[in-house]
Amino acid sequence: SVDDRWFVPHFEKMLYDQAQIAVNCLE
């Protein structure tokens, strides 16, 4: 996010982010 509110993203999507965030959510 380019701002501090998680509002305006840099829009690319990375596989390594998805995998690790999913584990964070599960835990």
PDB file of all heavy atoms in Angstrom:
ATOM      1  N   SER A   1       0.847  -1.189   0.000  1.00  0.00           N
ATOM      2  CA  SER A   1       0.000   0.000   0.000  1.00  0.00           C
ATOM      3  C   SER A   1       0.884   1.240   0.000  1.00  0.00           C
ATOM      4  O   SER A   1       1.821   1.340   0.799  1.00  0.00           O
ATOM      5  CB  SER A   1      -0.903   0.000   1.238  1.00  0.00           C
ATOM      6  OG  SER A   1      -1.584   1.232   1.370  1.00  0.00           O
ATOM      7  N   VAL A   2       0.587   2.200  -0.885  1.00  0.00           N
ATOM      8  CA  VAL A   2       1.403   3.410  -0.941  1.00  0.00           C
ATOM      9  C   VAL A   2       1.036   4.386   0.172  1.00  0.00           C
ATOM     10  O   VAL A   2       1.787   5.329   0.436  1.00  0.00           O
ATOM     11  CB  VAL A   2       1.272   4.104  -2.316  1.00  0.00           C
ATOM     12  CG1 VAL A   2       1.684   3.155  -3.427  1.00  0.00           C
ATOM     13  CG2 VAL A   2      -0.144   4.617  -2.557  1.00  0.00           C
ATOM     14  N   ASP A   3      -0.110   4.184   0.826  1.00  0.00           N
ATOM     15  CA  ASP A   3      -0.535   5.040   1.932  1.00  0.00           C
ATOM     16  C   ASP A   3      -0.493   4.232   3.222  1.00  0.00           C
ATOM     17  O   ASP A   3      -0.167   3.036   3.218  1.00  0.00           O
ATOM     18  CB  ASP A   3      -1.949   5.566   1.682  1.00  0.00           C
ATOM     19  CG  ASP A   3      -2.961   4.430   1.640  1.00  0.00           C
ATOM     20  OD1 ASP A   3      -2.868   3.569   0.736  1.00  0.00           O
ATOM     21  OD2 ASP A   3      -3.810   4.367   2.532  1.00  0.00           O
ATOM     22  N   ASP A   4      -0.816   4.877   4.331  1.00  0.00           N
ATOM     23  CA  ASP A   4      -0.740   4.182   5.617  1.00  0.00           C
ATOM     24  C   ASP A   4      -2.057   3.526   6.013  1.00  0.00           C
ATOM     25  O   ASP A   4      -2.164   2.934   7.081  1.00  0.00           O
ATOM     26  CB  ASP A   4      -0.286   5.142   6.720  1.00  0.00           C
ATOM     27  CG  ASP A   4      -1.260   6.280   6.972  1.00  0.00           C
ATOM     28  OD1 ASP A   4      -2.234   6.422   6.200  1.00  0.00           O
ATOM     29  OD2 ASP A   4      -1.041   7.047   7.924  1.00  0.00           O
ATOM     30  N   ARG A   5      -3.081   3.586   5.139  1.00  0.00           N
ATOM     31  CA  ARG A   5      -4.411   3.043   5.463  1.00  0.00           C
ATOM     32  C   ARG A   5      -4.704   1.746   4.733  1.00  0.00           C
ATOM     33  O   ARG A   5      -5.834   1.260   4.775  1.00  0.00           O
ATOM     34  CB  ARG A   5      -5.492   4.086   5.125  1.00  0.00           C
ATOM     35  CG  ARG A   5      -5.409   5.364   5.936  1.00  0.00           C
ATOM     36  CD  ARG A   5      -6.584   6.287   5.656  1.00  0.00           C
ATOM     37  NE  ARG A   5      -6.581   6.788   4.280  1.00  0.00           N
ATOM     38  CZ  ARG A   5      -7.613   6.717   3.449  1.00  0.00           C
ATOM     39  NH1 ARG A   5      -8.748   6.140   3.844  1.00  0.00           N
ATOM     40  NH2 ARG A   5      -7.532   7.211   2.239  1.00  0.00           N
ATOM     41  N   TRP A   6      -3.713   1.196   4.032  1.00  0.00           N
ATOM     42  CA  TRP A   6      -3.896  -0.011   3.229  1.00  0.00           C
ATOM     43  C   TRP A   6      -4.910   0.224   2.112  1.00  0.00           C
ATOM     44  O   TRP A   6      -5.572  -0.710   1.655  1.00  0.00           O
ATOM     45  CB  TRP A   6      -4.359  -1.203   4.087  1.00  0.00           C
ATOM     46  CG  TRP A   6      -3.500  -1.539   5.251  1.00  0.00           C
ATOM     47  CD1 TRP A   6      -3.741  -1.254   6.563  1.00  0.00           C
ATOM     48  CD2 TRP A   6      -2.249  -2.249   5.215  1.00  0.00           C
ATOM     49  NE1 TRP A   6      -2.722  -1.732   7.351  1.00  0.00           N
ATOM     50  CE2 TRP A   6      -1.785  -2.353   6.551  1.00  0.00           C
ATOM     51  CE3 TRP A   6      -1.473  -2.810   4.204  1.00  0.00           C
ATOM     52  CZ2 TRP A   6      -0.604  -2.989   6.896  1.00  0.00           C
ATOM     53  CZ3 TRP A   6      -0.284  -3.443   4.542  1.00  0.00           C
ATOM     54  CH2 TRP A   6       0.136  -3.526   5.876  1.00  0.00           C
ATOM     55  N   PHE A   7      -5.039   1.480   1.646  1.00  0.00           N
ATOM     56  CA  PHE A   7      -6.103   1.808   0.697  1.00  0.00           C
ATOM     57  C   PHE A   7      -5.632   1.757  -0.760  1.00  0.00           C
ATOM     58  O   PHE A   7      -6.204   1.049  -1.583  1.00  0.00           O
ATOM     59  CB  PHE A   7      -6.687   3.190   1.026  1.00  0.00           C
ATOM     60  CG  PHE A   7      -7.724   3.659   0.045  1.00  0.00           C
ATOM     61  CD1 PHE A   7      -8.729   2.809  -0.395  1.00  0.00           C
ATOM     62  CD2 PHE A   7      -7.706   4.960  -0.448  1.00  0.00           C
ATOM     63  CE1 PHE A   7      -9.690   3.233  -1.310  1.00  0.00           C
ATOM     64  CE2 PHE A   7      -8.660   5.397  -1.358  1.00  0.00           C
ATOM     65  CZ  PHE A   7      -9.648   4.533  -1.789  1.00  0.00           C
ATOM     66  N   VAL A   8      -4.607   2.534  -1.103  1.00  0.00           N
ATOM     67  CA  VAL A   8      -4.153   2.618  -2.498  1.00  0.00           C
ATOM     68  C   VAL A   8      -2.981   1.656  -2.685  1.00  0.00           C
ATOM     69  O   VAL A   8      -1.896   1.889  -2.171  1.00  0.00           O
ATOM     70  CB  VAL A   8      -3.731   4.045  -2.866  1.00  0.00           C
ATOM     71  CG1 VAL A   8      -3.296   4.100  -4.345  1.00  0.00           C
ATOM     72  CG2 VAL A   8      -4.870   5.028  -2.612  1.00  0.00           C
ATOM     73  N   PRO A   9      -3.194   0.576  -3.410  1.00  0.00           N
ATOM     74  CA  PRO A   9      -2.121  -0.412  -3.526  1.00  0.00           C
ATOM     75  C   PRO A   9      -1.208  -0.139  -4.715  1.00  0.00           C
ATOM     76  O   PRO A   9      -1.556   0.598  -5.646  1.00  0.00           O
ATOM     77  CB  PRO A   9      -2.885  -1.717  -3.753  1.00  0.00           C
ATOM     78  CG  PRO A   9      -4.088  -1.290  -4.541  1.00  0.00           C
ATOM     79  CD  PRO A   9      -4.444   0.093  -4.028  1.00  0.00           C
ATOM     80  N   HIS A  10      -0.027  -0.738  -4.664  1.00  0.00           N
ATOM     81  CA  HIS A  10       0.735  -0.996  -5.883  1.00  0.00           C
ATOM     82  C   HIS A  10       0.188  -2.334  -6.363  1.00  0.00           C
ATOM     83  O   HIS A  10       0.279  -3.332  -5.659  1.00  0.00           O
ATOM     84  CB  HIS A  10       2.223  -1.063  -5.575  1.00  0.00           C
ATOM     85  CG  HIS A  10       3.058  -1.407  -6.769  1.00  0.00           C
ATOM     86  ND1 HIS A  10       2.879  -0.806  -7.988  1.00  0.00           N
ATOM     87  CD2 HIS A  10       4.050  -2.298  -6.937  1.00  0.00           C
ATOM     88  CE1 HIS A  10       3.733  -1.312  -8.848  1.00  0.00           C
ATOM     89  NE2 HIS A  10       4.454  -2.222  -8.243  1.00  0.00           N
ATOM     90  N   PHE A  11      -0.385  -2.373  -7.549  1.00  0.00           N
ATOM     91  CA  PHE A  11      -1.376  -3.384  -7.898  1.00  0.00           C
ATOM     92  C   PHE A  11      -0.821  -4.754  -8.291  1.00  0.00           C
ATOM     93  O   PHE A  11      -1.603  -5.666  -8.530  1.00  0.00           O
ATOM     94  CB  PHE A  11      -2.259  -2.866  -9.030  1.00  0.00           C
ATOM     95  CG  PHE A  11      -3.250  -1.816  -8.602  1.00  0.00           C
ATOM     96  CD1 PHE A  11      -2.924  -0.472  -8.655  1.00  0.00           C
ATOM     97  CD2 PHE A  11      -4.497  -2.172  -8.136  1.00  0.00           C
ATOM     98  CE1 PHE A  11      -3.830   0.500  -8.267  1.00  0.00           C
ATOM     99  CE2 PHE A  11      -5.417  -1.212  -7.742  1.00  0.00           C
ATOM    100  CZ  PHE A  11      -5.082   0.134  -7.802  1.00  0.00           C
ATOM    101  N   GLU A  12       0.486  -4.924  -8.410  1.00  0.00           N
ATOM    102  CA  GLU A  12       0.959  -6.249  -8.822  1.00  0.00           C
ATOM    103  C   GLU A  12       0.648  -7.282  -7.737  1.00  0.00           C
ATOM    104  O   GLU A  12       0.523  -6.956  -6.555  1.00  0.00           O
ATOM    105  CB  GLU A  12       2.456  -6.230  -9.126  1.00  0.00           C
ATOM    106  CG  GLU A  12       3.353  -5.957  -7.933  1.00  0.00           C
ATOM    107  CD  GLU A  12       4.813  -5.899  -8.332  1.00  0.00           C
ATOM    108  OE1 GLU A  12       5.243  -6.719  -9.146  1.00  0.00           O
ATOM    109  OE2 GLU A  12       5.520  -5.013  -7.807  1.00  0.00           O
ATOM    110  N   LYS A  13       0.523  -8.523  -8.154  1.00  0.00           N
ATOM    111  CA  LYS A  13       0.228  -9.627  -7.240  1.00  0.00           C
ATOM    112  C   LYS A  13       1.328 -10.669  -7.374  1.00  0.00           C
ATOM    113  O   LYS A  13       1.606 -11.138  -8.487  1.00  0.00           O
ATOM    114  CB  LYS A  13      -1.123 -10.264  -7.577  1.00  0.00           C
ATOM    115  CG  LYS A  13      -2.346  -9.445  -7.214  1.00  0.00           C
ATOM    116  CD  LYS A  13      -3.598 -10.212  -7.657  1.00  0.00           C
ATOM    117  CE  LYS A  13      -4.862  -9.669  -7.043  1.00  0.00           C
ATOM    118  NZ  LYS A  13      -6.041 -10.475  -7.452  1.00  0.00           N
ATOM    119  N   MET A  14       1.928 -11.036  -6.245  1.00  0.00           N
ATOM    120  CA  MET A  14       3.051 -11.964  -6.244  1.00  0.00           C
ATOM    121  C   MET A  14       2.628 -13.280  -5.576  1.00  0.00           C
ATOM    122  O   MET A  14       1.976 -13.279  -4.525  1.00  0.00           O
ATOM    123  CB  MET A  14       4.238 -11.369  -5.478  1.00  0.00           C
ATOM    124  CG  MET A  14       4.581  -9.930  -5.841  1.00  0.00           C
ATOM    125  SD  MET A  14       4.984  -9.688  -7.592  1.00  0.00           S
ATOM    126  CE  MET A  14       6.552 -10.549  -7.689  1.00  0.00           C
ATOM    127  N   LEU A  15       3.056 -14.387  -6.153  1.00  0.00           N
ATOM    128  CA  LEU A  15       2.729 -15.689  -5.571  1.00  0.00           C
ATOM    129  C   LEU A  15       3.286 -15.820  -4.171  1.00  0.00           C
ATOM    130  O   LEU A  15       2.614 -16.346  -3.273  1.00  0.00           O
ATOM    131  CB  LEU A  15       3.269 -16.814  -6.464  1.00  0.00           C
ATOM    132  CG  LEU A  15       3.034 -18.240  -5.946  1.00  0.00           C
ATOM    133  CD1 LEU A  15       1.546 -18.557  -5.875  1.00  0.00           C
ATOM    134  CD2 LEU A  15       3.742 -19.259  -6.840  1.00  0.00           C
ATOM    135  N   TYR A  16       4.521 -15.348  -3.954  1.00  0.00           N
ATOM    136  CA  TYR A  16       5.106 -15.536  -2.617  1.00  0.00           C
ATOM    137  C   TYR A  16       4.334 -14.786  -1.546  1.00  0.00           C
ATOM    138  O   TYR A  16       4.260 -15.232  -0.401  1.00  0.00           O
ATOM    139  CB  TYR A  16       6.597 -15.176  -2.600  1.00  0.00           C
ATOM    140  CG  TYR A  16       6.970 -13.771  -3.014  1.00  0.00           C
ATOM    141  CD1 TYR A  16       6.685 -12.664  -2.232  1.00  0.00           C
ATOM    142  CD2 TYR A  16       7.671 -13.556  -4.195  1.00  0.00           C
ATOM    143  CE1 TYR A  16       7.060 -11.382  -2.608  1.00  0.00           C
ATOM    144  CE2 TYR A  16       8.062 -12.285  -4.585  1.00  0.00           C
ATOM    145  CZ  TYR A  16       7.751 -11.198  -3.788  1.00  0.00           C
ATOM    146  OH  TYR A  16       8.127  -9.925  -4.170  1.00  0.00           O
ATOM    147  N   ASP A  17       3.726 -13.640  -1.901  1.00  0.00           N
ATOM    148  CA  ASP A  17       2.877 -12.935  -0.935  1.00  0.00           C
ATOM    149  C   ASP A  17       1.628 -13.749  -0.624  1.00  0.00           C
ATOM    150  O   ASP A  17       1.235 -13.885   0.544  1.00  0.00           O
ATOM    151  CB  ASP A  17       2.459 -11.569  -1.485  1.00  0.00           C
ATOM    152  CG  ASP A  17       3.534 -10.516  -1.362  1.00  0.00           C
ATOM    153  OD1 ASP A  17       4.319 -10.571  -0.407  1.00  0.00           O
ATOM    154  OD2 ASP A  17       3.586  -9.626  -2.229  1.00  0.00           O
ATOM    155  N   GLN A  18       0.973 -14.264  -1.649  1.00  0.00           N
ATOM    156  CA  GLN A  18      -0.273 -15.002  -1.432  1.00  0.00           C
ATOM    157  C   GLN A  18      -0.026 -16.194  -0.511  1.00  0.00           C
ATOM    158  O   GLN A  18      -0.799 -16.456   0.422  1.00  0.00           O
ATOM    159  CB  GLN A  18      -0.865 -15.481  -2.765  1.00  0.00           C
ATOM    160  CG  GLN A  18      -0.908 -14.458  -3.884  1.00  0.00           C
ATOM    161  CD  GLN A  18      -1.569 -13.135  -3.517  1.00  0.00           C
ATOM    162  OE1 GLN A  18      -2.566 -13.100  -2.795  1.00  0.00           O
ATOM    163  NE2 GLN A  18      -1.009 -12.042  -4.010  1.00  0.00           N
ATOM    164  N   ALA A  19       1.045 -16.940  -0.781  1.00  0.00           N
ATOM    165  CA  ALA A  19       1.322 -18.141   0.008  1.00  0.00           C
ATOM    166  C   ALA A  19       1.549 -17.803   1.470  1.00  0.00           C
ATOM    167  O   ALA A  19       0.989 -18.452   2.375  1.00  0.00           O
ATOM    168  CB  ALA A  19       2.536 -18.864  -0.570  1.00  0.00           C
ATOM    169  N   GLN A  20       2.347 -16.790   1.732  1.00  0.00           N
ATOM    170  CA  GLN A  20       2.683 -16.465   3.126  1.00  0.00           C
ATOM    171  C   GLN A  20       1.523 -15.808   3.857  1.00  0.00           C
ATOM    172  O   GLN A  20       1.301 -16.072   5.046  1.00  0.00           O
ATOM    173  CB  GLN A  20       3.916 -15.560   3.151  1.00  0.00           C
ATOM    174  CG  GLN A  20       5.171 -16.245   2.641  1.00  0.00           C
ATOM    175  CD  GLN A  20       6.353 -15.304   2.627  1.00  0.00           C
ATOM    176  OE1 GLN A  20       7.143 -15.236   3.573  1.00  0.00           O
ATOM    177  NE2 GLN A  20       6.485 -14.548   1.561  1.00  0.00           N
ATOM    178  N   ILE A  21       0.768 -14.955   3.175  1.00  0.00           N
ATOM    179  CA  ILE A  21      -0.396 -14.329   3.817  1.00  0.00           C
ATOM    180  C   ILE A  21      -1.441 -15.387   4.156  1.00  0.00           C
ATOM    181  O   ILE A  21      -2.083 -15.329   5.213  1.00  0.00           O
ATOM    182  CB  ILE A  21      -0.982 -13.228   2.919  1.00  0.00           C
ATOM    183  CG1 ILE A  21      -0.016 -12.048   2.818  1.00  0.00           C
ATOM    184  CG2 ILE A  21      -2.333 -12.760   3.455  1.00  0.00           C
ATOM    185  CD1 ILE A  21      -0.420 -11.002   1.787  1.00  0.00           C
ATOM    186  N   ALA A  22      -1.613 -16.365   3.276  1.00  0.00           N
ATOM    187  CA  ALA A  22      -2.579 -17.438   3.565  1.00  0.00           C
ATOM    188  C   ALA A  22      -2.207 -18.166   4.850  1.00  0.00           C
ATOM    189  O   ALA A  22      -3.070 -18.467   5.690  1.00  0.00           O
ATOM    190  CB  ALA A  22      -2.644 -18.418   2.397  1.00  0.00           C
ATOM    191  N   VAL A  23      -0.919 -18.445   5.040  1.00  0.00           N
ATOM    192  CA  VAL A  23      -0.484 -19.115   6.269  1.00  0.00           C
ATOM    193  C   VAL A  23      -0.700 -18.214   7.476  1.00  0.00           C
ATOM    194  O   VAL A  23      -1.147 -18.668   8.543  1.00  0.00           O
ATOM    195  CB  VAL A  23       0.991 -19.549   6.147  1.00  0.00           C
ATOM    196  CG1 VAL A  23       1.503 -20.081   7.482  1.00  0.00           C
ATOM    197  CG2 VAL A  23       1.144 -20.616   5.060  1.00  0.00           C
ATOM    198  N   ASN A  24      -0.401 -16.914   7.339  1.00  0.00           N
ATOM    199  CA  ASN A  24      -0.698 -15.977   8.426  1.00  0.00           C
ATOM    200  C   ASN A  24      -2.168 -16.041   8.821  1.00  0.00           C
ATOM    201  O   ASN A  24      -2.516 -16.050  10.014  1.00  0.00           O
ATOM    202  CB  ASN A  24      -0.370 -14.543   8.005  1.00  0.00           C
ATOM    203  CG  ASN A  24       1.094 -14.191   7.999  1.00  0.00           C
ATOM    204  OD1 ASN A  24       1.518 -13.250   7.319  1.00  0.00           O
ATOM    205  ND2 ASN A  24       1.898 -14.926   8.740  1.00  0.00           N
ATOM    206  N   CYS A  25      -3.051 -16.079   7.830  1.00  0.00           N
ATOM    207  CA  CYS A  25      -4.490 -16.108   8.110  1.00  0.00           C
ATOM    208  C   CYS A  25      -4.882 -17.399   8.821  1.00  0.00           C
ATOM    209  O   CYS A  25      -5.676 -17.385   9.775  1.00  0.00           O
ATOM    210  CB  CYS A  25      -5.280 -15.957   6.824  1.00  0.00           C
ATOM    211  SG  CYS A  25      -5.108 -14.348   6.022  1.00  0.00           S
ATOM    212  N   LEU A  26      -4.342 -18.519   8.367  1.00  0.00           N
ATOM    213  CA  LEU A  26      -4.654 -19.800   8.999  1.00  0.00           C
ATOM    214  C   LEU A  26      -4.212 -19.806  10.460  1.00  0.00           C
ATOM    215  O   LEU A  26      -4.949 -20.262  11.344  1.00  0.00           O
ATOM    216  CB  LEU A  26      -3.971 -20.931   8.232  1.00  0.00           C
ATOM    217  CG  LEU A  26      -4.500 -21.190   6.813  1.00  0.00           C
ATOM    218  CD1 LEU A  26      -3.538 -22.083   6.046  1.00  0.00           C
ATOM    219  CD2 LEU A  26      -5.887 -21.821   6.860  1.00  0.00           C
ATOM    220  N   GLU A  27      -3.026 -19.291  10.722  1.00  0.00           N
ATOM    221  CA  GLU A  27      -2.524 -19.279  12.103  1.00  0.00           C
ATOM    222  C   GLU A  27      -3.276 -18.259  12.951  1.00  0.00           C
ATOM    223  O   GLU A  27      -3.491 -18.486  14.151  1.00  0.00           O
ATOM    224  CB  GLU A  27      -1.028 -19.008  12.107  1.00  0.00           C
ATOM    225  CG  GLU A  27      -0.217 -20.155  11.489  1.00  0.00           C
ATOM    226  CD  GLU A  27       1.275 -19.974  11.647  1.00  0.00           C
ATOM    227  OE1 GLU A  27       1.727 -18.841  11.915  1.00  0.00           O
ATOM    228  OE2 GLU A  27       2.002 -20.975  11.474  1.00  0.00           O
TER     229      GLU A  27
END
